[in-house]
Amino acid sequence: MPRVLISDKISPASVQIFKDRGVEVDYQPDLGKDRDALAAIIGNYDGLAIRSATKVTSKVLAQAGQLKVIGRAGIGVDNVDIPTATARGVIVMNTPFGNSITTAEHAIALLLAIAREIPAADQSTQAGKWEKTRFLGVEITGKTLGIIGCGNIGSIVSDRAIGLKMKVIAFDPFLSFERAEDLGVEKVELEELLSRADFISLHTPLTDRTKNILSVDNLALTKKGVRVINCARGGLVDEAALRKALDSGHVAGAAFDVFSTEPATENPLFGHPHVICTPHLGASTMEAQENVALQIAEQMSDYLVRGAITNAVNFPSISAEEAPKLRPFILLAEKLGSFAGQLTDTGISSVRITYQGEVAAMNTKALTSAAIAGLLRPMLADINVVSAPVVAKERGIVIEETTSEADSDYDALMTLTVVTENMERSISGTVFADGKPRIIDIKGIKIDAEFAPSMIYVANEDKPGFVGRFASLLGEAGVNIATFALGRYSPGGDAIALVQIDGDVPDSVMEQVRALPQVRQARPLVF
């Protein structure tokens, strides 16, 4: 009988689900706070069920000799060392949609509270004061709500706001115009949202692209008197800059449930009379806690007893029989998607994936999920191979999958085509006999390159002197070139350079690369 340790406080009902499905359970809800104690006993268990208090570090995983699965009752898995877990063959599962309604409702509650200054009015009244003229709020009816990130939670917030007779505009690069129309929201660019919104509510993951999306410069673009709500992730807003905007009166109020550092014992926003703060309560309702606890118990039991994999962040849903042959192609699919995602800035309307040769007979559903996850992850950090198709559907992205056994130059060929509002880009790859995925075609230009942890992609004109200037620029900056792959349409025409480098490339160096006269586009890539 498989054994599962529950090291955080989750619903007791989950314990019964484990037992009913033939899994032995050890419920120690306070153990997760003591990493040494957890590491000392984790080797006795096949599964570990957690919430946010337990930190599954490399030290803990080093002692987990028989651990097969970690289940997070909730969406965030930043408390789990996923690379180490993956290297040790441990599946990491989460429950990405179990608390969406609860979080959306909390955002709406904070929106109403900040509009009418309810917490401050309550405190004043209970102190024996009667300050009717002090708390002059604003109506939300007819006001414009700007939603940054219109995915699962953002779309629920928009639905509730429309019901409250608000006008909703949304910025989300992955939201199609058709999906926006279905939701009843107006899709806009970020600058337009900032200039028009009376209220701004954030519902996007924290990534390199979204960090401080409300920066000092972007806050300056907002409408005077705007109110900001953040129930998504700390770090999306420059909190010090927001405090200055509040002090100056440019921003009329803010309501935050998440902070750049948590637990937040001090913060630039604390103490301001027009700020409401709650201690990360977005998912804290009885219903949400129950839902995610029951869901993770079901998922972990299914995996331990039957081998079924659901909502895994580090492995697709495939059977044990398929795994050995499919694994290198899953890696190829995810890296092709990541390549395209890192080069895509505008909204995606559709994705076409073509499988030719022997790969066409494989589990293409798992491959497509891996490709979509790789494509969306640069903007949506919490996405996984299971949730990726659902997230893509929520944003109105049409996914087309084609299989063909037609002959080609390769035994197996996978082509990913991304269609956005203003361009179409294709990338093809294969897996050679060594099991390593390779890029063989980008936008119709033949090229042969392995994926590497750190790369530079350059689209340029095929003119004499480019390679020399480019290589010299990197050399002068101390950036070492490991491999250098080149391809072109025709002499003097469009060309591509795909360069593997050692370590990261500084932003200043990339700016110099982009400034070269032959360069049309240059991006650092991370795999």
Protein backbone atom coordinates (compact mmCIF):
# COMPACT_ATOMS: atom_id res chain seq x y z
CA MET A 1 0.00 0.00 0.00
CA PRO A 2 1.48 3.41 -0.99
CA ARG A 3 2.04 5.90 1.83
CA VAL A 4 1.38 9.65 1.70
CA LEU A 5 2.53 12.27 4.19
CA ILE A 6 0.39 15.40 4.60
CA SER A 7 2.70 18.04 6.10
CA ASP A 8 0.42 21.11 5.93
CA LYS A 9 -3.06 21.92 7.16
CA ILE A 10 -5.53 20.81 4.51
CA SER A 11 -9.11 19.62 4.74
CA PRO A 12 -9.49 16.38 6.75
CA ALA A 13 -11.85 15.21 4.02
CA SER A 14 -8.79 14.64 1.83
CA VAL A 15 -7.52 12.04 4.29
CA GLN A 16 -10.63 9.97 3.73
CA ILE A 17 -10.26 10.14 -0.05
CA PHE A 18 -6.74 8.72 0.22
CA LYS A 19 -7.96 5.89 2.45
CA ASP A 20 -10.94 5.11 0.25
CA ARG A 21 -8.60 4.71 -2.72
CA GLY A 22 -6.16 2.39 -0.99
CA VAL A 23 -3.50 4.87 0.15
CA GLU A 24 -2.12 4.96 3.69
CA VAL A 25 -2.04 8.50 5.13
CA ASP A 26 0.11 10.13 7.80
CA TYR A 27 -1.45 13.50 8.70
CA GLN A 28 1.11 15.79 10.38
CA PRO A 29 -0.13 19.32 9.54
CA ASP A 30 2.61 21.18 11.42
CA LEU A 31 5.58 19.16 10.18
CA GLY A 32 6.16 21.28 7.08
CA LYS A 33 7.38 24.21 9.16
CA ASP A 34 10.42 22.16 10.30
CA ARG A 35 12.55 21.31 7.26
CA ASP A 36 15.00 19.18 9.20
CA ALA A 37 12.21 17.10 10.72
CA LEU A 38 10.59 16.72 7.29
CA ALA A 39 13.88 15.63 5.71
CA ALA A 40 14.39 13.09 8.49
CA ILE A 41 11.20 11.13 7.68
CA ILE A 42 10.39 11.92 4.03
CA GLY A 43 12.25 8.81 2.89
CA ASN A 44 9.43 6.64 4.25
CA TYR A 45 6.75 7.98 1.89
CA ASP A 46 5.65 7.62 -1.72
CA GLY A 47 3.74 10.90 -1.78
CA LEU A 48 3.85 14.31 -0.09
CA ALA A 49 0.75 16.53 0.06
CA ILE A 50 1.45 20.18 0.89
CA ARG A 51 0.19 23.74 0.83
CA SER A 52 2.44 26.80 1.07
CA ALA A 53 4.07 26.29 4.49
CA THR A 54 6.14 23.27 3.48
CA LYS A 55 9.32 24.11 1.58
CA VAL A 56 10.41 21.13 -0.51
CA THR A 57 14.06 22.01 -1.01
CA SER A 58 16.86 20.05 -2.64
CA LYS A 59 17.95 19.03 0.88
CA VAL A 60 14.54 17.52 1.58
CA LEU A 61 14.41 15.83 -1.83
CA ALA A 62 17.87 14.33 -1.29
CA GLN A 63 16.39 12.28 1.54
CA ALA A 64 13.26 11.28 -0.41
CA GLY A 65 14.48 7.94 -1.67
CA GLN A 66 11.07 6.47 -2.52
CA LEU A 67 9.08 9.65 -3.15
CA LYS A 68 7.09 9.50 -6.39
CA VAL A 69 4.76 12.49 -6.27
CA ILE A 70 4.37 15.88 -4.59
CA GLY A 71 0.87 17.35 -4.58
CA ARG A 72 0.32 21.06 -3.96
CA ALA A 73 -3.23 21.91 -2.85
CA GLY A 74 -3.30 25.21 -4.75
CA ILE A 75 -1.71 26.71 -7.84
CA GLY A 76 1.64 28.10 -6.69
CA VAL A 77 4.55 25.65 -6.64
CA ASP A 78 7.33 28.15 -5.92
CA ASN A 79 7.90 26.35 -2.59
CA VAL A 80 9.00 23.22 -4.47
CA ASP A 81 12.42 22.79 -6.10
CA ILE A 82 10.94 21.57 -9.38
CA PRO A 83 14.22 21.04 -11.30
CA THR A 84 15.55 18.82 -8.51
CA ALA A 85 12.23 16.97 -8.23
CA THR A 86 12.22 16.39 -11.98
CA ALA A 87 15.81 15.15 -11.97
CA ARG A 88 14.88 12.67 -9.26
CA GLY A 89 11.82 11.48 -11.18
CA VAL A 90 9.30 13.00 -8.77
CA ILE A 91 6.04 14.20 -10.31
CA VAL A 92 4.91 17.61 -9.05
CA MET A 93 1.16 18.22 -9.26
CA ASN A 94 -0.96 21.26 -8.44
CA THR A 95 -4.63 22.29 -8.62
CA PRO A 96 -4.60 25.23 -11.04
CA PHE A 97 -8.32 26.02 -11.09
CA GLY A 98 -9.56 25.11 -7.60
CA ASN A 99 -9.61 28.61 -6.12
CA SER A 100 -10.36 30.81 -9.14
CA ILE A 101 -13.83 31.94 -8.06
CA THR A 102 -12.67 32.68 -4.53
CA THR A 103 -9.78 34.84 -5.70
CA ALA A 104 -11.97 36.69 -8.20
CA GLU A 105 -14.57 37.41 -5.52
CA HIS A 106 -11.86 38.78 -3.21
CA ALA A 107 -10.76 41.18 -5.95
CA ILE A 108 -14.32 42.42 -6.38
CA ALA A 109 -14.67 42.79 -2.59
CA LEU A 110 -11.51 44.92 -2.46
CA LEU A 111 -12.69 46.98 -5.41
CA LEU A 112 -15.92 47.85 -3.59
CA ALA A 113 -14.10 48.42 -0.31
CA ILE A 114 -11.63 50.88 -1.82
CA ALA A 115 -14.37 52.68 -3.73
CA ARG A 116 -16.30 53.39 -0.51
CA GLU A 117 -13.37 53.42 1.99
CA ILE A 118 -15.19 50.80 4.06
CA PRO A 119 -12.32 49.67 6.37
CA ALA A 120 -11.41 53.24 7.39
CA ALA A 121 -15.08 54.16 7.85
CA ASP A 122 -15.62 51.10 10.03
CA GLN A 123 -12.61 51.90 12.21
CA SER A 124 -13.71 55.53 12.61
CA THR A 125 -17.29 54.63 13.48
CA GLN A 126 -16.31 52.00 16.03
CA ALA A 127 -13.98 54.58 17.62
CA GLY A 128 -17.05 56.65 18.44
CA LYS A 129 -16.73 59.15 15.62
CA TRP A 130 -19.43 60.01 13.11
CA GLU A 131 -17.53 61.33 10.06
CA LYS A 132 -20.05 61.20 7.25
CA THR A 133 -18.41 64.00 5.30
CA ARG A 134 -14.91 62.48 5.59
CA PHE A 135 -15.68 59.27 3.72
CA LEU A 136 -16.90 60.47 0.35
CA GLY A 137 -16.63 57.46 -1.92
CA VAL A 138 -17.21 56.92 -5.63
CA GLU A 139 -19.77 54.83 -7.51
CA ILE A 140 -18.52 51.95 -9.60
CA THR A 141 -21.53 51.96 -11.94
CA GLY A 142 -20.43 53.26 -15.32
CA LYS A 143 -16.78 53.31 -14.33
CA THR A 144 -14.08 51.60 -16.42
CA LEU A 145 -12.28 48.60 -14.96
CA GLY A 146 -8.96 47.77 -16.57
CA ILE A 147 -7.97 44.12 -16.15
CA ILE A 148 -4.33 43.20 -16.69
CA GLY A 149 -4.38 39.45 -17.44
CA CYS A 150 -7.75 38.13 -18.63
CA GLY A 151 -7.28 34.41 -18.09
CA ASN A 152 -9.25 32.14 -15.79
CA ILE A 153 -9.49 34.51 -12.80
CA GLY A 154 -9.46 37.71 -14.82
CA SER A 155 -12.39 36.54 -16.93
CA ILE A 156 -14.41 35.78 -13.79
CA VAL A 157 -13.64 39.25 -12.43
CA SER A 158 -14.74 40.78 -15.74
CA ASP A 159 -18.03 38.85 -15.62
CA ARG A 160 -18.76 40.04 -12.08
CA ALA A 161 -17.77 43.63 -12.93
CA ILE A 162 -20.03 43.68 -15.98
CA GLY A 163 -22.84 42.49 -13.71
CA LEU A 164 -22.13 45.53 -11.56
CA LYS A 165 -22.61 47.72 -14.64
CA MET A 166 -18.93 48.54 -15.12
CA LYS A 167 -17.24 48.86 -18.51
CA VAL A 168 -14.36 46.39 -18.73
CA ILE A 169 -11.23 46.77 -20.83
CA ALA A 170 -8.46 44.16 -20.79
CA PHE A 171 -4.78 43.92 -21.63
CA ASP A 172 -3.61 40.37 -22.29
CA PRO A 173 -1.27 39.48 -25.19
CA PHE A 174 -2.81 36.00 -25.33
CA LEU A 175 -6.44 37.14 -25.43
CA SER A 176 -7.93 37.02 -28.92
CA PHE A 177 -10.44 39.60 -30.10
CA GLU A 178 -13.02 36.82 -30.54
CA ARG A 179 -12.60 35.65 -26.93
CA ALA A 180 -12.75 39.24 -25.70
CA GLU A 181 -16.01 39.72 -27.56
CA ASP A 182 -17.44 36.55 -25.98
CA LEU A 183 -16.49 37.87 -22.54
CA GLY A 184 -18.01 41.26 -23.24
CA VAL A 185 -14.71 43.09 -22.70
CA GLU A 186 -12.73 45.42 -24.94
CA LYS A 187 -9.21 44.28 -25.71
CA VAL A 188 -6.69 47.14 -25.56
CA GLU A 189 -2.96 47.69 -25.32
CA LEU A 190 -1.43 48.42 -21.93
CA GLU A 191 -0.89 52.14 -22.57
CA GLU A 192 -4.56 52.62 -23.48
CA LEU A 193 -5.71 50.67 -20.44
CA LEU A 194 -3.57 52.83 -18.15
CA SER A 195 -4.95 56.06 -19.62
CA ARG A 196 -8.64 55.02 -19.54
CA ALA A 197 -9.17 52.88 -16.45
CA ASP A 198 -10.82 54.23 -13.29
CA PHE A 199 -9.91 50.98 -11.53
CA ILE A 200 -7.06 48.59 -12.43
CA SER A 201 -7.12 44.97 -11.26
CA LEU A 202 -4.13 42.69 -11.84
CA HIS A 203 -4.59 39.01 -12.69
CA THR A 204 -1.38 37.93 -14.38
CA PRO A 205 1.42 35.65 -13.15
CA LEU A 206 4.75 37.14 -12.09
CA THR A 207 7.29 36.63 -14.89
CA ASP A 208 10.28 38.57 -16.20
CA ARG A 209 7.90 40.36 -18.57
CA THR A 210 5.25 41.23 -15.98
CA LYS A 211 7.48 42.16 -13.03
CA ASN A 212 6.68 45.77 -12.07
CA ILE A 213 4.21 46.01 -14.94
CA LEU A 214 2.89 48.96 -12.95
CA SER A 215 6.26 50.68 -12.81
CA VAL A 216 6.96 54.30 -11.94
CA ASP A 217 6.69 55.16 -15.65
CA ASN A 218 3.47 53.21 -16.19
CA LEU A 219 1.88 54.62 -13.05
CA ALA A 220 2.57 58.07 -14.48
CA LEU A 221 0.49 57.10 -17.53
CA THR A 222 -2.55 56.22 -15.45
CA LYS A 223 -5.64 58.37 -15.18
CA LYS A 224 -5.58 60.78 -12.23
CA GLY A 225 -7.70 59.33 -9.43
CA VAL A 226 -7.21 55.70 -10.48
CA ARG A 227 -7.56 52.93 -7.90
CA VAL A 228 -5.37 49.79 -8.05
CA ILE A 229 -6.27 46.27 -6.87
CA ASN A 230 -3.74 43.41 -6.75
CA CYS A 231 -4.88 39.91 -5.79
CA ALA A 232 -2.48 38.15 -8.18
CA ARG A 233 1.20 38.20 -7.26
CA GLY A 234 3.48 40.48 -5.31
CA GLY A 235 6.04 42.16 -7.53
CA LEU A 236 3.60 43.13 -10.29
CA VAL A 237 3.56 46.66 -8.89
CA ASP A 238 6.48 48.88 -7.89
CA GLU A 239 5.19 49.39 -4.35
CA ALA A 240 7.52 52.30 -3.54
CA ALA A 241 6.46 54.11 -6.72
CA LEU A 242 2.81 53.43 -5.93
CA ARG A 243 3.25 54.93 -2.46
CA LYS A 244 4.62 58.13 -4.00
CA ALA A 245 1.69 58.24 -6.43
CA LEU A 246 -0.70 57.81 -3.50
CA ASP A 247 1.04 60.53 -1.50
CA SER A 248 0.81 62.95 -4.43
CA GLY A 249 -2.87 62.18 -4.94
CA HIS A 250 -2.41 60.91 -8.51
CA VAL A 251 -3.58 57.46 -7.38
CA ALA A 252 -6.71 57.74 -5.25
CA GLY A 253 -6.46 54.36 -3.54
CA ALA A 254 -5.03 50.86 -3.57
CA ALA A 255 -6.14 47.48 -2.24
CA PHE A 256 -3.51 44.73 -2.02
CA ASP A 257 -3.78 41.08 -1.01
CA VAL A 258 -0.26 40.17 -2.17
CA PHE A 259 3.12 41.79 -1.63
CA SER A 260 6.64 41.63 -3.02
CA THR A 261 7.85 40.11 0.27
CA GLU A 262 5.63 37.77 2.28
CA PRO A 263 4.83 37.46 5.09
CA ALA A 264 4.64 41.24 4.80
CA THR A 265 5.54 42.64 8.21
CA GLU A 266 6.48 45.99 6.66
CA ASN A 267 5.80 47.50 3.28
CA PRO A 268 5.86 50.96 1.62
CA LEU A 269 2.07 50.81 1.31
CA PHE A 270 1.42 50.19 4.98
CA GLY A 271 -0.02 53.09 6.95
CA HIS A 272 -1.40 55.07 4.04
CA PRO A 273 -4.99 56.22 4.72
CA HIS A 274 -6.18 55.22 1.24
CA VAL A 275 -4.68 51.72 1.18
CA ILE A 276 -6.41 48.46 2.15
CA CYS A 277 -4.26 45.40 2.85
CA THR A 278 -5.19 41.77 3.47
CA PRO A 279 -2.77 38.89 4.25
CA HIS A 280 -2.96 36.89 0.99
CA LEU A 281 -6.57 35.84 1.51
CA GLY A 282 -7.46 35.36 -2.16
CA ALA A 283 -7.86 31.60 -1.85
CA SER A 284 -8.96 31.60 1.78
CA THR A 285 -12.57 30.49 1.78
CA MET A 286 -13.98 27.26 3.14
CA GLU A 287 -15.13 26.21 -0.31
CA ALA A 288 -11.78 26.86 -2.02
CA GLN A 289 -9.76 25.12 0.68
CA GLU A 290 -12.05 22.13 0.48
CA ASN A 291 -11.94 22.02 -3.32
CA VAL A 292 -8.16 22.06 -3.67
CA ALA A 293 -7.69 19.53 -0.85
CA LEU A 294 -10.12 17.03 -2.36
CA GLN A 295 -8.71 17.56 -5.84
CA ILE A 296 -5.09 16.96 -4.86
CA ALA A 297 -6.03 13.83 -2.90
CA GLU A 298 -7.81 12.44 -5.96
CA GLN A 299 -4.92 13.28 -8.29
CA MET A 300 -2.23 11.80 -6.05
CA SER A 301 -4.25 8.65 -5.38
CA ASP A 302 -4.86 8.11 -9.09
CA TYR A 303 -1.15 8.37 -9.79
CA LEU A 304 0.02 6.16 -6.91
CA VAL A 305 -2.60 3.47 -7.48
CA ARG A 306 -3.23 3.56 -11.24
CA GLY A 307 -0.32 5.53 -12.70
CA ALA A 308 -2.55 8.30 -14.06
CA ILE A 309 -0.90 11.74 -14.19
CA THR A 310 -3.09 14.86 -13.91
CA ASN A 311 -2.12 18.54 -13.59
CA ALA A 312 1.58 17.77 -13.41
CA VAL A 313 3.82 20.82 -13.78
CA ASN A 314 6.85 18.80 -14.84
CA PHE A 315 5.47 15.90 -16.89
CA PRO A 316 2.63 15.34 -19.39
CA SER A 317 -0.27 12.95 -19.05
CA ILE A 318 1.05 9.79 -20.67
CA SER A 319 1.06 6.11 -19.85
CA ALA A 320 4.06 4.19 -18.59
CA GLU A 321 4.21 2.22 -21.86
CA GLU A 322 4.47 5.34 -23.99
CA ALA A 323 6.99 7.21 -21.87
CA PRO A 324 10.41 5.97 -23.12
CA LYS A 325 9.75 6.61 -26.80
CA LEU A 326 7.70 9.76 -26.30
CA ARG A 327 9.92 11.58 -23.81
CA PRO A 328 12.47 13.09 -26.28
CA PHE A 329 9.65 14.31 -28.52
CA ILE A 330 7.90 15.90 -25.54
CA LEU A 331 11.14 17.75 -24.86
CA LEU A 332 11.29 18.80 -28.52
CA ALA A 333 7.67 20.03 -28.49
CA GLU A 334 8.15 22.07 -25.33
CA LYS A 335 11.35 23.67 -26.60
CA LEU A 336 9.84 24.51 -30.00
CA GLY A 337 6.95 26.16 -28.14
CA SER A 338 9.31 28.01 -25.82
CA PHE A 339 11.35 29.23 -28.80
CA ALA A 340 8.23 30.67 -30.46
CA GLY A 341 6.86 32.06 -27.19
CA GLN A 342 10.03 33.98 -26.39
CA LEU A 343 9.87 35.64 -29.81
CA THR A 344 6.15 36.50 -29.66
CA ASP A 345 5.00 39.82 -28.18
CA THR A 346 1.52 40.26 -29.65
CA GLY A 347 -1.72 38.34 -29.14
CA ILE A 348 -1.82 34.81 -30.55
CA SER A 349 -4.88 33.94 -32.61
CA SER A 350 -4.00 30.38 -33.58
CA VAL A 351 -1.37 27.68 -33.38
CA ARG A 352 -0.85 24.97 -35.98
CA ILE A 353 1.19 21.88 -35.13
CA THR A 354 2.07 19.36 -37.83
CA TYR A 355 3.46 15.90 -37.08
CA GLN A 356 5.11 13.96 -39.92
CA GLY A 357 6.66 10.51 -40.04
CA GLU A 358 6.92 8.25 -37.03
CA VAL A 359 5.96 10.99 -34.56
CA ALA A 360 2.52 11.17 -36.23
CA ALA A 361 1.68 7.75 -34.74
CA MET A 362 2.57 8.79 -31.18
CA ASN A 363 0.46 10.38 -28.43
CA THR A 364 0.24 13.76 -30.17
CA LYS A 365 -2.16 15.11 -27.54
CA ALA A 366 0.63 15.03 -24.97
CA LEU A 367 3.03 16.54 -27.50
CA THR A 368 0.62 19.35 -28.35
CA SER A 369 0.06 20.09 -24.67
CA ALA A 370 3.82 20.28 -24.14
CA ALA A 371 4.21 22.63 -27.13
CA ILE A 372 1.42 24.95 -25.94
CA ALA A 373 2.84 24.97 -22.41
CA GLY A 374 6.24 25.98 -23.77
CA LEU A 375 4.64 28.64 -25.96
CA LEU A 376 2.64 30.29 -23.16
CA ARG A 377 5.08 29.88 -20.26
CA PRO A 378 7.18 33.00 -21.04
CA MET A 379 4.08 35.05 -20.14
CA LEU A 380 2.20 32.63 -17.87
CA ALA A 381 4.67 31.20 -15.38
CA ASP A 382 2.27 28.85 -13.56
CA ILE A 383 1.11 27.02 -16.68
CA ASN A 384 1.71 23.28 -17.07
CA VAL A 385 1.31 20.74 -19.84
CA VAL A 386 -2.12 19.69 -18.61
CA SER A 387 -3.61 23.14 -18.09
CA ALA A 388 -2.05 24.65 -21.24
CA PRO A 389 -4.85 23.68 -23.70
CA VAL A 390 -7.50 24.96 -21.27
CA VAL A 391 -5.65 28.25 -20.77
CA ALA A 392 -5.23 28.63 -24.52
CA LYS A 393 -8.96 28.03 -25.04
CA GLU A 394 -9.81 30.63 -22.38
CA ARG A 395 -7.82 33.16 -24.39
CA GLY A 396 -9.49 32.22 -27.64
CA ILE A 397 -6.39 30.65 -29.17
CA VAL A 398 -7.35 28.13 -31.84
CA ILE A 399 -5.14 25.03 -31.82
CA GLU A 400 -4.94 22.97 -35.01
CA GLU A 401 -3.21 19.60 -35.04
CA THR A 402 -2.32 17.72 -38.22
CA THR A 403 -0.69 14.31 -38.63
CA SER A 404 0.84 12.93 -41.79
CA GLU A 405 2.85 9.84 -42.55
CA ALA A 406 4.22 11.47 -45.70
CA ASP A 407 7.92 11.03 -46.35
CA SER A 408 10.31 13.85 -45.55
CA ASP A 409 14.04 14.28 -45.13
CA TYR A 410 13.65 13.12 -41.52
CA ASP A 411 12.14 10.05 -39.87
CA ALA A 412 10.11 12.32 -37.61
CA LEU A 413 9.34 16.01 -38.13
CA MET A 414 7.40 18.44 -35.93
CA THR A 415 6.43 21.93 -37.16
CA LEU A 416 4.94 24.63 -34.93
CA THR A 417 3.31 27.64 -36.57
CA VAL A 418 2.17 30.62 -34.49
CA VAL A 419 -0.28 33.11 -36.02
CA THR A 420 -0.64 36.50 -34.31
CA GLU A 421 -2.48 39.69 -35.22
CA ASN A 422 0.32 40.86 -37.51
CA MET A 423 2.61 37.96 -38.39
CA GLU A 424 3.05 34.22 -38.82
CA ARG A 425 6.13 32.32 -37.66
CA SER A 426 7.00 28.62 -38.14
CA ILE A 427 9.73 26.53 -36.56
CA SER A 428 10.50 22.88 -37.25
CA GLY A 429 12.49 20.33 -35.32
CA THR A 430 13.33 16.68 -35.03
CA VAL A 431 15.02 14.19 -32.70
CA PHE A 432 18.19 12.53 -33.98
CA ALA A 433 19.46 9.09 -33.03
CA ASP A 434 21.25 10.55 -30.00
CA GLY A 435 17.86 11.47 -28.51
CA LYS A 436 18.59 15.22 -28.56
CA PRO A 437 16.01 17.62 -30.04
CA ARG A 438 17.25 19.92 -32.78
CA ILE A 439 15.99 22.94 -34.70
CA ILE A 440 16.11 22.37 -38.44
CA ASP A 441 13.99 25.17 -39.92
CA ILE A 442 12.96 28.68 -38.83
CA LYS A 443 10.55 30.67 -41.04
CA GLY A 444 11.50 28.53 -44.03
CA ILE A 445 15.23 29.02 -43.53
CA LYS A 446 17.17 25.78 -43.12
CA ILE A 447 19.34 25.65 -40.04
CA ASP A 448 20.80 22.94 -37.81
CA ALA A 449 21.15 23.71 -34.11
CA GLU A 450 20.75 22.01 -30.77
CA PHE A 451 18.83 23.72 -28.00
CA ALA A 452 21.04 25.09 -25.24
CA PRO A 453 20.38 26.73 -21.85
CA SER A 454 21.38 30.18 -23.14
CA MET A 455 21.15 31.30 -26.78
CA ILE A 456 20.86 34.40 -28.94
CA TYR A 457 18.49 34.55 -31.92
CA VAL A 458 19.21 37.11 -34.64
CA ALA A 459 17.24 37.81 -37.81
CA ASN A 460 19.40 39.83 -40.17
CA GLU A 461 20.25 40.73 -43.74
CA ASP A 462 22.83 38.46 -45.34
CA LYS A 463 25.50 41.13 -45.84
CA PRO A 464 29.29 40.82 -45.62
CA GLY A 465 30.75 41.79 -42.27
CA PHE A 466 27.78 40.90 -40.07
CA VAL A 467 29.25 37.72 -38.56
CA GLY A 468 32.55 39.43 -37.81
CA ARG A 469 30.96 42.47 -36.16
CA PHE A 470 28.53 40.31 -34.16
CA ALA A 471 31.20 37.90 -32.92
CA SER A 472 33.58 40.74 -32.08
CA LEU A 473 30.88 42.53 -30.11
CA LEU A 474 30.25 39.43 -28.00
CA GLY A 475 33.96 38.81 -27.55
CA GLU A 476 34.62 42.35 -26.38
CA ALA A 477 31.82 41.97 -23.83
CA GLY A 478 33.31 38.72 -22.51
CA VAL A 479 30.45 36.58 -23.84
CA ASN A 480 31.82 33.23 -24.99
CA ILE A 481 30.31 31.59 -28.09
CA ALA A 482 29.84 27.82 -27.81
CA THR A 483 28.19 27.14 -31.20
CA PHE A 484 27.21 29.35 -34.14
CA ALA A 485 24.49 28.17 -36.57
CA LEU A 486 23.64 30.18 -39.69
CA GLY A 487 20.96 29.94 -42.37
CA ARG A 488 19.63 32.11 -45.20
CA TYR A 489 17.01 32.20 -47.92
CA SER A 490 19.36 33.33 -50.64
CA PRO A 491 22.61 35.30 -51.03
CA GLY A 492 22.01 38.83 -49.76
CA GLY A 493 18.51 37.98 -48.52
CA ASP A 494 16.97 37.21 -45.12
CA ALA A 495 19.23 35.29 -42.78
CA ILE A 496 19.17 33.84 -39.27
CA ALA A 497 21.89 33.30 -36.70
CA LEU A 498 21.28 31.02 -33.73
CA VAL A 499 24.13 31.21 -31.26
CA GLN A 500 24.76 29.17 -28.13
CA ILE A 501 26.61 31.15 -25.46
CA ASP A 502 28.07 30.39 -22.04
CA GLY A 503 26.02 32.13 -19.38
CA ASP A 504 23.63 35.05 -19.77
CA VAL A 505 24.05 37.98 -22.13
CA PRO A 506 23.78 41.46 -20.53
CA ASP A 507 20.93 43.71 -21.72
CA SER A 508 23.48 46.34 -22.76
CA VAL A 509 25.14 43.84 -25.11
CA MET A 510 21.78 42.90 -26.66
CA GLU A 511 21.13 46.59 -27.33
CA GLN A 512 24.46 46.80 -29.15
CA VAL A 513 23.56 43.71 -31.19
CA ARG A 514 20.22 45.27 -32.17
CA ALA A 515 22.05 48.41 -33.21
CA LEU A 516 24.11 46.59 -35.85
CA PRO A 517 23.00 47.84 -39.30
CA GLN A 518 22.11 44.40 -40.67
CA VAL A 519 20.02 43.28 -37.66
CA ARG A 520 16.22 43.24 -37.88
CA GLN A 521 15.50 41.38 -34.65
CA ALA A 522 17.64 40.03 -31.81
CA ARG A 523 16.49 38.21 -28.70
CA PRO A 524 18.16 36.28 -25.88
CA LEU A 525 16.63 32.83 -25.43
CA VAL A 526 16.63 30.66 -22.32
CA PHE A 527 15.78 26.95 -22.32
